Amino acid sequence: MSEILLVASLVLLGTPFLLSRFGHRIAAAERTRLMAVSLAGGLVFLELDLVLTALPTVLRSFRLTGLASACERLVGHVLGGGPIVGWVVFAMALLLPVSAIVTSLRCRTRYRRLRADPWVGTHRPYGEHELVVLPSAEMVAISVPGRPGQVILSEGLLDTLAPAELDAVLRHEGAHLDLRHSRYLLLAAVVQCAVGWLPTVRGSVGSLRLSVEEWADAVAVRDLGTSRPVADALRSLVFASLFPHAASFSAAETIGERLEALEHGEPRKAPLARLAAYSLIALLWLGAGGSVATWLTHARGLVGMTPYCPL
């Protein structure tokens, strides 16, 4: 069972990277949600696999030998089993949620620090959010979640862009706030910190961030009725993002792909591509979830037999 969980979790963690290669026939909004479900599921099932794999070793440390042996038969062996492997896996099972929590707290702190105080720059209402213009020559265009959300631009940006391009940037950043894209960027940061040492996971995290930006681009294009102002603004602002892990209009690593997506326009309806993507993710979730359900069913019986298990 451990092998099924491990394989399913790793494939789920790599699926967003696969979708970025073959999923552009799926709209950015739908693709982003699929990527998020896949990454979240992969992270959860990987943690469950680590916990279940380490459980026999932990039980033996409490001298519950009979129960540990029964659990080991249910879970199976990974890398040959043994106490060394068990304790290494146990350490990984502890580090993964700790790193996720720490990253989440750091991102939330970073968002709070990015917020412009009332006495900094010019503040004005922007729909349900707030538009802040900073007195800076730097090129700044970011959205910061909160109550209210802030679209932060710089005077240097306003002086550089044409009115139509500026409107495109505002709509793009407003879409990030309206659609709460910070949740997806937070998930990307958590997954990267927890298991970013896996090459496919790094690709998946980058794919999710790109998909979020393409989603906001698509909203701006829909509102404006044309993709040209969005593309022109991107070409005018080819610079590295000053604010990692925040929604920034001109994050350098996404500009090339976004310009290509804008050039091709909204993807044509591709029911087969959507069916394949949904089927793959659903199959992996069902496989991993079924393994956990099977383990829980047997675990109930083991718990009931605990007083009779040899210690």
C-alpha atoms as a PDB file:
ATOM      1  CA  MET A   1       0.000   0.000   0.000  1.00  0.00           C
ATOM      2  CA  SER A   2       2.876   2.362   0.763  1.00  0.00           C
ATOM      3  CA  GLU A   3       4.150   1.993  -2.783  1.00  0.00           C
ATOM      4  CA  ILE A   4       0.745   2.969  -4.213  1.00  0.00           C
ATOM      5  CA  LEU A   5       0.580   6.056  -2.014  1.00  0.00           C
ATOM      6  CA  LEU A   6       4.143   7.054  -2.863  1.00  0.00           C
ATOM      7  CA  VAL A   7       3.688   6.686  -6.621  1.00  0.00           C
ATOM      8  CA  ALA A   8       0.305   8.449  -6.601  1.00  0.00           C
ATOM      9  CA  SER A   9       1.652  11.369  -4.552  1.00  0.00           C
ATOM     10  CA  LEU A  10       4.724  11.830  -6.761  1.00  0.00           C
ATOM     11  CA  VAL A  11       2.674  11.694  -9.956  1.00  0.00           C
ATOM     12  CA  LEU A  12       0.180  14.192  -8.510  1.00  0.00           C
ATOM     13  CA  LEU A  13       3.053  16.513  -7.629  1.00  0.00           C
ATOM     14  CA  GLY A  14       4.359  16.255 -11.192  1.00  0.00           C
ATOM     15  CA  THR A  15       1.000  16.541 -12.977  1.00  0.00           C
ATOM     16  CA  PRO A  16       0.953  20.385 -13.124  1.00  0.00           C
ATOM     17  CA  PHE A  17       4.229  20.285 -15.040  1.00  0.00           C
ATOM     18  CA  LEU A  18       2.631  17.805 -17.442  1.00  0.00           C
ATOM     19  CA  LEU A  19      -0.443  20.028 -17.793  1.00  0.00           C
ATOM     20  CA  SER A  20       1.753  22.999 -18.653  1.00  0.00           C
ATOM     21  CA  ARG A  21       3.112  21.045 -21.614  1.00  0.00           C
ATOM     22  CA  PHE A  22      -0.137  19.589 -22.892  1.00  0.00           C
ATOM     23  CA  GLY A  23      -2.817  21.538 -21.053  1.00  0.00           C
ATOM     24  CA  HIS A  24      -2.875  24.822 -22.952  1.00  0.00           C
ATOM     25  CA  ARG A  25      -5.948  23.495 -24.672  1.00  0.00           C
ATOM     26  CA  ILE A  26      -7.601  24.000 -21.276  1.00  0.00           C
ATOM     27  CA  ALA A  27      -8.550  27.532 -20.164  1.00  0.00           C
ATOM     28  CA  ALA A  28      -6.139  29.091 -17.656  1.00  0.00           C
ATOM     29  CA  ALA A  29      -8.747  29.324 -14.872  1.00  0.00           C
ATOM     30  CA  GLU A  30      -9.652  25.649 -15.125  1.00  0.00           C
ATOM     31  CA  ARG A  31      -6.023  24.629 -15.562  1.00  0.00           C
ATOM     32  CA  THR A  32      -4.998  26.555 -12.436  1.00  0.00           C
ATOM     33  CA  ARG A  33      -7.651  24.835 -10.330  1.00  0.00           C
ATOM     34  CA  LEU A  34      -6.611  21.419 -11.634  1.00  0.00           C
ATOM     35  CA  MET A  35      -2.978  22.161 -10.841  1.00  0.00           C
ATOM     36  CA  ALA A  36      -3.863  23.293  -7.319  1.00  0.00           C
ATOM     37  CA  VAL A  37      -5.934  20.171  -6.620  1.00  0.00           C
ATOM     38  CA  SER A  38      -3.110  17.996  -7.934  1.00  0.00           C
ATOM     39  CA  LEU A  39      -0.369  19.701  -5.898  1.00  0.00           C
ATOM     40  CA  ALA A  40      -2.420  19.790  -2.689  1.00  0.00           C
ATOM     41  CA  GLY A  41      -3.356  16.129  -3.073  1.00  0.00           C
ATOM     42  CA  GLY A  42       0.221  15.130  -3.817  1.00  0.00           C
ATOM     43  CA  LEU A  43       1.499  16.908  -0.710  1.00  0.00           C
ATOM     44  CA  VAL A  44      -1.177  15.408   1.572  1.00  0.00           C
ATOM     45  CA  PHE A  45      -0.751  11.857   0.268  1.00  0.00           C
ATOM     46  CA  LEU A  46       3.039  12.105   0.468  1.00  0.00           C
ATOM     47  CA  GLU A  47       2.765  13.110   4.133  1.00  0.00           C
ATOM     48  CA  LEU A  48       0.371  10.208   4.799  1.00  0.00           C
ATOM     49  CA  ASP A  49       2.771   7.801   3.115  1.00  0.00           C
ATOM     50  CA  LEU A  50       5.680   9.046   5.220  1.00  0.00           C
ATOM     51  CA  VAL A  51       3.657   8.752   8.435  1.00  0.00           C
ATOM     52  CA  LEU A  52       2.426   5.228   7.646  1.00  0.00           C
ATOM     53  CA  THR A  53       5.886   4.081   6.589  1.00  0.00           C
ATOM     54  CA  ALA A  54       7.460   5.398   9.805  1.00  0.00           C
ATOM     55  CA  LEU A  55       4.670   4.073  12.035  1.00  0.00           C
ATOM     56  CA  PRO A  56       6.080   0.533  12.589  1.00  0.00           C
ATOM     57  CA  THR A  57       9.447   1.953  13.669  1.00  0.00           C
ATOM     58  CA  VAL A  58       7.785   4.377  16.084  1.00  0.00           C
ATOM     59  CA  LEU A  59       5.589   1.610  17.523  1.00  0.00           C
ATOM     60  CA  ARG A  60       8.639  -0.609  18.087  1.00  0.00           C
ATOM     61  CA  SER A  61      10.324   2.223  19.982  1.00  0.00           C
ATOM     62  CA  PHE A  62       7.388   1.980  22.429  1.00  0.00           C
ATOM     63  CA  ARG A  63       7.843  -1.843  22.513  1.00  0.00           C
ATOM     64  CA  LEU A  64       4.562  -2.501  20.696  1.00  0.00           C
ATOM     65  CA  THR A  65       6.239  -5.173  18.601  1.00  0.00           C
ATOM     66  CA  GLY A  66       3.132  -7.151  17.673  1.00  0.00           C
ATOM     67  CA  LEU A  67       1.209  -4.091  16.577  1.00  0.00           C
ATOM     68  CA  ALA A  68       4.256  -2.795  14.691  1.00  0.00           C
ATOM     69  CA  SER A  69       4.583  -6.073  12.781  1.00  0.00           C
ATOM     70  CA  ALA A  70       0.892  -6.022  11.888  1.00  0.00           C
ATOM     71  CA  CYS A  71       1.155  -2.425  10.653  1.00  0.00           C
ATOM     72  CA  GLU A  72       4.268  -3.285   8.672  1.00  0.00           C
ATOM     73  CA  ARG A  73       2.408  -6.070   6.875  1.00  0.00           C
ATOM     74  CA  LEU A  74      -0.336  -3.594   5.958  1.00  0.00           C
ATOM     75  CA  VAL A  75       1.933  -0.779   4.869  1.00  0.00           C
ATOM     76  CA  GLY A  76       4.640  -2.792   3.177  1.00  0.00           C
ATOM     77  CA  HIS A  77       8.373  -2.117   2.929  1.00  0.00           C
ATOM     78  CA  VAL A  78       9.999   0.928   1.341  1.00  0.00           C
ATOM     79  CA  LEU A  79      13.718   0.866   0.507  1.00  0.00           C
ATOM     80  CA  GLY A  80      13.993  -2.463   2.279  1.00  0.00           C
ATOM     81  CA  GLY A  81      12.540  -1.220   5.557  1.00  0.00           C
ATOM     82  CA  GLY A  82      14.545  -1.346   8.771  1.00  0.00           C
ATOM     83  CA  PRO A  83      14.949   1.046  11.707  1.00  0.00           C
ATOM     84  CA  ILE A  84      17.316   3.434   9.906  1.00  0.00           C
ATOM     85  CA  VAL A  85      14.914   3.919   7.019  1.00  0.00           C
ATOM     86  CA  GLY A  86      12.027   4.189   9.477  1.00  0.00           C
ATOM     87  CA  TRP A  87      13.634   6.984  11.494  1.00  0.00           C
ATOM     88  CA  VAL A  88      14.757   8.860   8.361  1.00  0.00           C
ATOM     89  CA  VAL A  89      11.210   8.685   7.030  1.00  0.00           C
ATOM     90  CA  PHE A  90       9.895   9.774  10.425  1.00  0.00           C
ATOM     91  CA  ALA A  91      12.159  12.831  10.333  1.00  0.00           C
ATOM     92  CA  MET A  92      10.903  13.653   6.841  1.00  0.00           C
ATOM     93  CA  ALA A  93       7.314  13.242   8.028  1.00  0.00           C
ATOM     94  CA  LEU A  94       7.993  15.835  10.738  1.00  0.00           C
ATOM     95  CA  LEU A  95       9.908  18.246   8.511  1.00  0.00           C
ATOM     96  CA  LEU A  96       7.305  18.374   5.742  1.00  0.00           C
ATOM     97  CA  PRO A  97       4.429  19.902   7.783  1.00  0.00           C
ATOM     98  CA  VAL A  98       6.829  22.099   9.752  1.00  0.00           C
ATOM     99  CA  SER A  99       8.286  23.554   6.558  1.00  0.00           C
ATOM    100  CA  ALA A 100       4.770  24.038   5.170  1.00  0.00           C
ATOM    101  CA  ILE A 101       3.628  25.916   8.287  1.00  0.00           C
ATOM    102  CA  VAL A 102       6.772  28.055   8.449  1.00  0.00           C
ATOM    103  CA  THR A 103       6.500  28.954   4.755  1.00  0.00           C
ATOM    104  CA  SER A 104       2.827  29.818   5.125  1.00  0.00           C
ATOM    105  CA  LEU A 105       3.574  32.126   8.066  1.00  0.00           C
ATOM    106  CA  ARG A 106       6.476  33.759   6.211  1.00  0.00           C
ATOM    107  CA  CYS A 107       4.315  34.424   3.162  1.00  0.00           C
ATOM    108  CA  ARG A 108       1.575  35.963   5.271  1.00  0.00           C
ATOM    109  CA  THR A 109       4.160  38.128   7.032  1.00  0.00           C
ATOM    110  CA  ARG A 110       5.575  39.161   3.659  1.00  0.00           C
ATOM    111  CA  TYR A 111       2.109  40.174   2.462  1.00  0.00           C
ATOM    112  CA  ARG A 112       1.625  42.297   5.586  1.00  0.00           C
ATOM    113  CA  ARG A 113       4.968  44.010   5.021  1.00  0.00           C
ATOM    114  CA  LEU A 114       4.126  44.700   1.371  1.00  0.00           C
ATOM    115  CA  ARG A 115       0.961  46.564   2.292  1.00  0.00           C
ATOM    116  CA  ALA A 116       1.319  50.321   1.896  1.00  0.00           C
ATOM    117  CA  ASP A 117       0.529  52.269   5.044  1.00  0.00           C
ATOM    118  CA  PRO A 118      -2.031  55.100   4.739  1.00  0.00           C
ATOM    119  CA  TRP A 119       0.690  57.755   4.891  1.00  0.00           C
ATOM    120  CA  VAL A 120       2.777  56.147   2.107  1.00  0.00           C
ATOM    121  CA  GLY A 121       1.896  57.258  -1.423  1.00  0.00           C
ATOM    122  CA  THR A 122      -1.518  58.199  -2.740  1.00  0.00           C
ATOM    123  CA  HIS A 123      -4.500  56.015  -1.795  1.00  0.00           C
ATOM    124  CA  ARG A 124      -7.831  55.944  -3.613  1.00  0.00           C
ATOM    125  CA  PRO A 125     -10.722  53.463  -3.913  1.00  0.00           C
ATOM    126  CA  TYR A 126     -10.532  50.905  -6.723  1.00  0.00           C
ATOM    127  CA  GLY A 127     -13.751  48.886  -6.737  1.00  0.00           C
ATOM    128  CA  GLU A 128     -13.748  46.835  -3.547  1.00  0.00           C
ATOM    129  CA  HIS A 129     -10.003  47.359  -3.231  1.00  0.00           C
ATOM    130  CA  GLU A 130      -7.544  50.207  -2.891  1.00  0.00           C
ATOM    131  CA  LEU A 131      -5.248  51.718  -5.505  1.00  0.00           C
ATOM    132  CA  VAL A 132      -1.922  52.927  -4.136  1.00  0.00           C
ATOM    133  CA  VAL A 133       0.518  55.015  -6.168  1.00  0.00           C
ATOM    134  CA  LEU A 134       4.021  55.063  -4.708  1.00  0.00           C
ATOM    135  CA  PRO A 135       6.344  58.042  -5.264  1.00  0.00           C
ATOM    136  CA  SER A 136       9.054  55.899  -6.806  1.00  0.00           C
ATOM    137  CA  ALA A 137      10.827  55.741 -10.160  1.00  0.00           C
ATOM    138  CA  GLU A 138      11.047  51.926  -9.884  1.00  0.00           C
ATOM    139  CA  MET A 139       8.681  49.846 -12.027  1.00  0.00           C
ATOM    140  CA  VAL A 140       6.227  48.420  -9.503  1.00  0.00           C
ATOM    141  CA  ALA A 141       2.931  46.676 -10.251  1.00  0.00           C
ATOM    142  CA  ILE A 142       1.744  44.207  -7.629  1.00  0.00           C
ATOM    143  CA  SER A 143      -1.422  43.188  -5.838  1.00  0.00           C
ATOM    144  CA  VAL A 144      -1.413  42.593  -2.095  1.00  0.00           C
ATOM    145  CA  PRO A 145      -4.323  40.672  -0.502  1.00  0.00           C
ATOM    146  CA  GLY A 146      -5.970  41.980   2.631  1.00  0.00           C
ATOM    147  CA  ARG A 147      -8.901  44.045   3.813  1.00  0.00           C
ATOM    148  CA  PRO A 148      -9.031  45.912   1.588  1.00  0.00           C
ATOM    149  CA  GLY A 149      -6.803  44.415  -1.073  1.00  0.00           C
ATOM    150  CA  GLN A 150      -4.261  46.812  -2.558  1.00  0.00           C
ATOM    151  CA  VAL A 151      -3.164  47.314  -6.149  1.00  0.00           C
ATOM    152  CA  ILE A 152       0.213  49.006  -5.776  1.00  0.00           C
ATOM    153  CA  LEU A 153       1.726  50.907  -8.705  1.00  0.00           C
ATOM    154  CA  SER A 154       4.628  53.323  -8.896  1.00  0.00           C
ATOM    155  CA  GLU A 155       4.833  56.757 -10.484  1.00  0.00           C
ATOM    156  CA  GLY A 156       7.605  55.380 -12.692  1.00  0.00           C
ATOM    157  CA  LEU A 157       5.167  52.809 -14.057  1.00  0.00           C
ATOM    158  CA  LEU A 158       2.471  55.434 -14.675  1.00  0.00           C
ATOM    159  CA  ASP A 159       4.964  57.601 -16.553  1.00  0.00           C
ATOM    160  CA  THR A 160       6.092  54.665 -18.729  1.00  0.00           C
ATOM    161  CA  LEU A 161       2.809  53.085 -19.840  1.00  0.00           C
ATOM    162  CA  ALA A 162       0.223  54.368 -22.275  1.00  0.00           C
ATOM    163  CA  PRO A 163      -3.322  54.755 -20.859  1.00  0.00           C
ATOM    164  CA  ALA A 164      -4.546  51.524 -22.495  1.00  0.00           C
ATOM    165  CA  GLU A 165      -1.551  49.596 -21.147  1.00  0.00           C
ATOM    166  CA  LEU A 166      -2.072  51.031 -17.672  1.00  0.00           C
ATOM    167  CA  ASP A 167      -5.715  49.973 -17.800  1.00  0.00           C
ATOM    168  CA  ALA A 168      -4.590  46.449 -18.714  1.00  0.00           C
ATOM    169  CA  VAL A 169      -2.220  46.328 -15.732  1.00  0.00           C
ATOM    170  CA  LEU A 170      -4.941  47.546 -13.366  1.00  0.00           C
ATOM    171  CA  ARG A 171      -7.408  44.944 -14.599  1.00  0.00           C
ATOM    172  CA  HIS A 172      -4.776  42.212 -14.348  1.00  0.00           C
ATOM    173  CA  GLU A 173      -3.874  43.084 -10.757  1.00  0.00           C
ATOM    174  CA  GLY A 174      -7.532  43.589  -9.837  1.00  0.00           C
ATOM    175  CA  ALA A 175      -8.257  40.082 -11.142  1.00  0.00           C
ATOM    176  CA  HIS A 176      -5.614  38.671  -8.780  1.00  0.00           C
ATOM    177  CA  LEU A 177      -7.464  40.221  -5.852  1.00  0.00           C
ATOM    178  CA  ASP A 178     -11.016  39.475  -7.024  1.00  0.00           C
ATOM    179  CA  LEU A 179     -10.202  35.808  -7.667  1.00  0.00           C
ATOM    180  CA  ARG A 180      -8.014  35.419  -4.560  1.00  0.00           C
ATOM    181  CA  HIS A 181      -5.011  34.210  -6.494  1.00  0.00           C
ATOM    182  CA  SER A 182      -2.838  34.625  -3.400  1.00  0.00           C
ATOM    183  CA  ARG A 183      -4.161  31.217  -2.251  1.00  0.00           C
ATOM    184  CA  TYR A 184      -2.616  29.520  -5.285  1.00  0.00           C
ATOM    185  CA  LEU A 185       0.671  31.402  -4.895  1.00  0.00           C
ATOM    186  CA  LEU A 186       0.760  30.435  -1.224  1.00  0.00           C
ATOM    187  CA  LEU A 187       0.252  26.782  -2.166  1.00  0.00           C
ATOM    188  CA  ALA A 188       3.058  27.075  -4.725  1.00  0.00           C
ATOM    189  CA  ALA A 189       5.411  28.521  -2.093  1.00  0.00           C
ATOM    190  CA  VAL A 190       4.526  25.816   0.445  1.00  0.00           C
ATOM    191  CA  VAL A 191       5.049  22.966  -2.031  1.00  0.00           C
ATOM    192  CA  GLN A 192       8.319  24.450  -3.250  1.00  0.00           C
ATOM    193  CA  CYS A 193       9.688  24.744   0.271  1.00  0.00           C
ATOM    194  CA  ALA A 194       8.474  21.306   1.365  1.00  0.00           C
ATOM    195  CA  VAL A 195       9.444  19.152  -1.638  1.00  0.00           C
ATOM    196  CA  GLY A 196      11.043  21.582  -4.095  1.00  0.00           C
ATOM    197  CA  TRP A 197      14.170  19.448  -4.196  1.00  0.00           C
ATOM    198  CA  LEU A 198      12.317  17.182  -6.623  1.00  0.00           C
ATOM    199  CA  PRO A 199      12.936  18.475 -10.196  1.00  0.00           C
ATOM    200  CA  THR A 200       9.389  17.754 -11.381  1.00  0.00           C
ATOM    201  CA  VAL A 201       7.968  19.589  -8.371  1.00  0.00           C
ATOM    202  CA  ARG A 202       9.987  22.703  -9.222  1.00  0.00           C
ATOM    203  CA  GLY A 203       8.547  22.520 -12.715  1.00  0.00           C
ATOM    204  CA  SER A 204       5.028  22.071 -11.320  1.00  0.00           C
ATOM    205  CA  VAL A 205       5.365  25.074  -9.002  1.00  0.00           C
ATOM    206  CA  GLY A 206       6.562  27.251 -11.865  1.00  0.00           C
ATOM    207  CA  SER A 207       3.685  25.984 -14.023  1.00  0.00           C
ATOM    208  CA  LEU A 208       1.133  26.913 -11.352  1.00  0.00           C
ATOM    209  CA  ARG A 209       2.544  30.424 -10.998  1.00  0.00           C
ATOM    210  CA  LEU A 210       2.496  30.882 -14.772  1.00  0.00           C
ATOM    211  CA  SER A 211      -1.068  29.611 -14.984  1.00  0.00           C
ATOM    212  CA  VAL A 212      -2.179  32.112 -12.325  1.00  0.00           C
ATOM    213  CA  GLU A 213      -0.690  34.972 -14.341  1.00  0.00           C
ATOM    214  CA  GLU A 214      -2.286  33.709 -17.551  1.00  0.00           C
ATOM    215  CA  TRP A 215      -5.638  33.550 -15.747  1.00  0.00           C
ATOM    216  CA  ALA A 216      -5.344  37.220 -14.744  1.00  0.00           C
ATOM    217  CA  ASP A 217      -4.265  38.080 -18.306  1.00  0.00           C
ATOM    218  CA  ALA A 218      -7.350  36.304 -19.653  1.00  0.00           C
ATOM    219  CA  VAL A 219      -9.609  38.355 -17.352  1.00  0.00           C
ATOM    220  CA  ALA A 220      -7.981  41.600 -18.522  1.00  0.00           C
ATOM    221  CA  VAL A 221      -8.337  40.556 -22.176  1.00  0.00           C
ATOM    222  CA  ARG A 222     -11.998  39.666 -21.644  1.00  0.00           C
ATOM    223  CA  ASP A 223     -12.728  43.027 -20.002  1.00  0.00           C
ATOM    224  CA  LEU A 224     -10.837  45.041 -22.626  1.00  0.00           C
ATOM    225  CA  GLY A 225     -12.037  43.011 -25.596  1.00  0.00           C
ATOM    226  CA  THR A 226      -8.507  42.764 -27.001  1.00  0.00           C
ATOM    227  CA  SER A 227      -5.162  41.284 -25.950  1.00  0.00           C
ATOM    228  CA  ARG A 228      -2.998  44.021 -27.458  1.00  0.00           C
ATOM    229  CA  PRO A 229      -2.797  46.368 -24.414  1.00  0.00           C
ATOM    230  CA  VAL A 230      -1.854  43.459 -22.146  1.00  0.00           C
ATOM    231  CA  ALA A 231       0.860  42.281 -24.538  1.00  0.00           C
ATOM    232  CA  ASP A 232       2.177  45.825 -25.061  1.00  0.00           C
ATOM    233  CA  ALA A 233       2.358  46.377 -21.297  1.00  0.00           C
ATOM    234  CA  LEU A 234       4.284  43.132 -20.863  1.00  0.00           C
ATOM    235  CA  ARG A 235       6.773  44.127 -23.548  1.00  0.00           C
ATOM    236  CA  SER A 236       7.228  47.506 -21.862  1.00  0.00           C
ATOM    237  CA  LEU A 237       7.942  45.963 -18.482  1.00  0.00           C
ATOM    238  CA  VAL A 238      10.428  43.174 -19.102  1.00  0.00           C
ATOM    239  CA  PHE A 239      12.186  43.189 -15.730  1.00  0.00           C
ATOM    240  CA  ALA A 240      12.641  40.773 -12.844  1.00  0.00           C
ATOM    241  CA  SER A 241       9.984  40.870 -10.183  1.00  0.00           C
ATOM    242  CA  LEU A 242      11.039  42.769  -7.088  1.00  0.00           C
ATOM    243  CA  PHE A 243       8.545  40.879  -4.942  1.00  0.00           C
ATOM    244  CA  PRO A 244       8.889  37.077  -4.978  1.00  0.00           C
ATOM    245  CA  HIS A 245       5.809  35.051  -4.012  1.00  0.00           C
ATOM    246  CA  ALA A 246       3.548  38.064  -4.667  1.00  0.00           C
ATOM    247  CA  ALA A 247       1.298  38.565  -7.684  1.00  0.00           C
ATOM    248  CA  SER A 248       3.416  40.816  -9.890  1.00  0.00           C
ATOM    249  CA  PHE A 249       2.384  41.841 -13.403  1.00  0.00           C
ATOM    250  CA  SER A 250       5.841  41.533 -14.885  1.00  0.00           C
ATOM    251  CA  ALA A 251       7.475  38.542 -13.220  1.00  0.00           C
ATOM    252  CA  ALA A 252      10.318  37.956 -15.671  1.00  0.00           C
ATOM    253  CA  GLU A 253      10.110  34.149 -15.660  1.00  0.00           C
ATOM    254  CA  THR A 254       6.547  34.179 -16.998  1.00  0.00           C
ATOM    255  CA  ILE A 255       6.615  36.913 -19.649  1.00  0.00           C
ATOM    256  CA  GLY A 256       7.657  34.804 -22.651  1.00  0.00           C
ATOM    257  CA  GLU A 257       5.009  32.142 -22.113  1.00  0.00           C
ATOM    258  CA  ARG A 258       2.324  34.735 -21.375  1.00  0.00           C
ATOM    259  CA  LEU A 259       3.065  36.641 -24.572  1.00  0.00           C
ATOM    260  CA  GLU A 260       2.803  33.379 -26.499  1.00  0.00           C
ATOM    261  CA  ALA A 261      -0.529  32.581 -24.822  1.00  0.00           C
ATOM    262  CA  LEU A 262      -1.846  36.065 -25.624  1.00  0.00           C
ATOM    263  CA  GLU A 263      -0.790  35.648 -29.242  1.00  0.00           C
ATOM    264  CA  HIS A 264      -2.708  32.385 -29.584  1.00  0.00           C
ATOM    265  CA  GLY A 265      -5.758  33.696 -27.715  1.00  0.00           C
ATOM    266  CA  GLU A 266      -8.196  31.643 -25.652  1.00  0.00           C
ATOM    267  CA  PRO A 267      -7.695  27.899 -26.186  1.00  0.00           C
ATOM    268  CA  ARG A 268     -10.200  26.150 -28.380  1.00  0.00           C
ATOM    269  CA  LYS A 269     -12.555  23.737 -26.700  1.00  0.00           C
ATOM    270  CA  ALA A 270     -10.759  20.416 -26.386  1.00  0.00           C
ATOM    271  CA  PRO A 271     -13.024  17.919 -24.601  1.00  0.00           C
ATOM    272  CA  LEU A 272     -10.516  15.090 -24.974  1.00  0.00           C
ATOM    273  CA  ALA A 273      -7.735  17.106 -23.308  1.00  0.00           C
ATOM    274  CA  ARG A 274     -10.048  18.079 -20.458  1.00  0.00           C
ATOM    275  CA  LEU A 275     -11.256  14.495 -20.073  1.00  0.00           C
ATOM    276  CA  ALA A 276      -7.684  13.198 -19.964  1.00  0.00           C
ATOM    277  CA  ALA A 277      -6.628  15.767 -17.344  1.00  0.00           C
ATOM    278  CA  TYR A 278      -9.642  15.169 -15.112  1.00  0.00           C
ATOM    279  CA  SER A 279      -9.376  11.394 -15.496  1.00  0.00           C
ATOM    280  CA  LEU A 280      -5.691  11.326 -14.553  1.00  0.00           C
ATOM    281  CA  ILE A 281      -6.134  13.434 -11.427  1.00  0.00           C
ATOM    282  CA  ALA A 282      -9.308  11.605 -10.374  1.00  0.00           C
ATOM    283  CA  LEU A 283      -7.638   8.212 -10.882  1.00  0.00           C
ATOM    284  CA  LEU A 284      -4.648   9.213  -8.755  1.00  0.00           C
ATOM    285  CA  TRP A 285      -6.878  10.622  -6.004  1.00  0.00           C
ATOM    286  CA  LEU A 286      -9.037   7.487  -6.008  1.00  0.00           C
ATOM    287  CA  GLY A 287      -6.019   5.191  -5.952  1.00  0.00           C
ATOM    288  CA  ALA A 288      -4.326   6.996  -3.086  1.00  0.00           C
ATOM    289  CA  GLY A 289      -7.571   7.582  -1.197  1.00  0.00           C
ATOM    290  CA  GLY A 290      -8.582   3.946  -1.628  1.00  0.00           C
ATOM    291  CA  SER A 291      -5.260   2.817  -0.187  1.00  0.00           C
ATOM    292  CA  VAL A 292      -5.721   5.033   2.874  1.00  0.00           C
ATOM    293  CA  ALA A 293      -9.317   3.831   3.320  1.00  0.00           C
ATOM    294  CA  THR A 294      -8.175   0.203   3.133  1.00  0.00           C
ATOM    295  CA  TRP A 295      -5.478   0.845   5.733  1.00  0.00           C
ATOM    296  CA  LEU A 296      -7.977   2.550   8.048  1.00  0.00           C
ATOM    297  CA  THR A 297     -10.381  -0.382   7.719  1.00  0.00           C
ATOM    298  CA  HIS A 298      -7.700  -2.866   8.733  1.00  0.00           C
ATOM    299  CA  ALA A 299      -6.356  -0.488  11.393  1.00  0.00           C
ATOM    300  CA  ARG A 300      -9.695  -0.581  13.227  1.00  0.00           C
ATOM    301  CA  GLY A 301      -9.380  -4.322  13.522  1.00  0.00           C
ATOM    302  CA  LEU A 302      -5.803  -3.993  14.734  1.00  0.00           C
ATOM    303  CA  VAL A 303      -6.776  -1.465  17.384  1.00  0.00           C
ATOM    304  CA  GLY A 304      -9.512  -3.833  18.609  1.00  0.00           C
ATOM    305  CA  MET A 305      -6.960  -6.643  18.847  1.00  0.00           C
ATOM    306  CA  THR A 306      -4.344  -4.524  20.641  1.00  0.00           C
ATOM    307  CA  PRO A 307      -4.912  -6.073  24.124  1.00  0.00           C
ATOM    308  CA  TYR A 308      -4.203  -9.506  22.617  1.00  0.00           C
ATOM    309  CA  CYS A 309      -1.207  -8.541  20.495  1.00  0.00           C
ATOM    310  CA  PRO A 310       2.130  -9.919  21.775  1.00  0.00           C
ATOM    311  CA  LEU A 311       4.274  -7.028  22.938  1.00  0.00           C
END
